[in-house]
Amino acid sequence: MTLTHRTRIGRHRRTIVFGLLAAIIAGIVSVLILARWTMERTELNGLGARDRGCGMGEWVTGVSQTDVAGQYIGDMYGRVILEEDGTAHISDFPVLSWEIDREFDMVTTSGTWRLIVRNGDRQLVDLTFDMPNELGGERTGEVLEIGSHANGFQLSQYIGDPDSCHLNIFNEG
């Protein structure tokens, strides 16, 4: 092997290494830009609301149980009625199923609800209810995100994996 041949091989290796380094740096920069964009979307927008992701609009802070009490109708499934005294009534409400042949069960029952806080100031509705006997009769629960829309509040329920952004949005009304 001649010196010229070794030099060409060395240049070729350097080109590959520099190309890989450039690709890695470009990937890191892309991740940093995406992370910054995500952080900006969750900053307070001056209205006491934040972008909730998955196209859910704005979530609110500083609401009371009296503010949130009311009737909510799902855009895909069900109805939720939240009474001021903490009683909840749900009908045709989707709950993840333990059965292999179906994704979720539709439940009609009563239970309780309360406001809970996560991540410092993020308010959510915590529903607790008994499953109907034909679905096991066990006590279970669901956490719904509280948001705002033109006609009042909305509650958002993830159907399945939250990363899928498959939502059932209950609008007040």
Foldseek 3Di string as FASTA:
>chain_A
DDPVVVVVVVVVVVVVVVVVVVVVVVVVVVVVVVVVVVVVQQDDPPPQWGDPPLPPGTFHFDDALVQPAAKWQWPVFWIWGADSVFKIWIFQDWDAAPDPVDGTDGFTFIFGWHWDDDPVTFIWIKTWTFGPVVRPRHIDIFIWGWGADDVGIKTWGDRPDVVVSRIIIIDGD
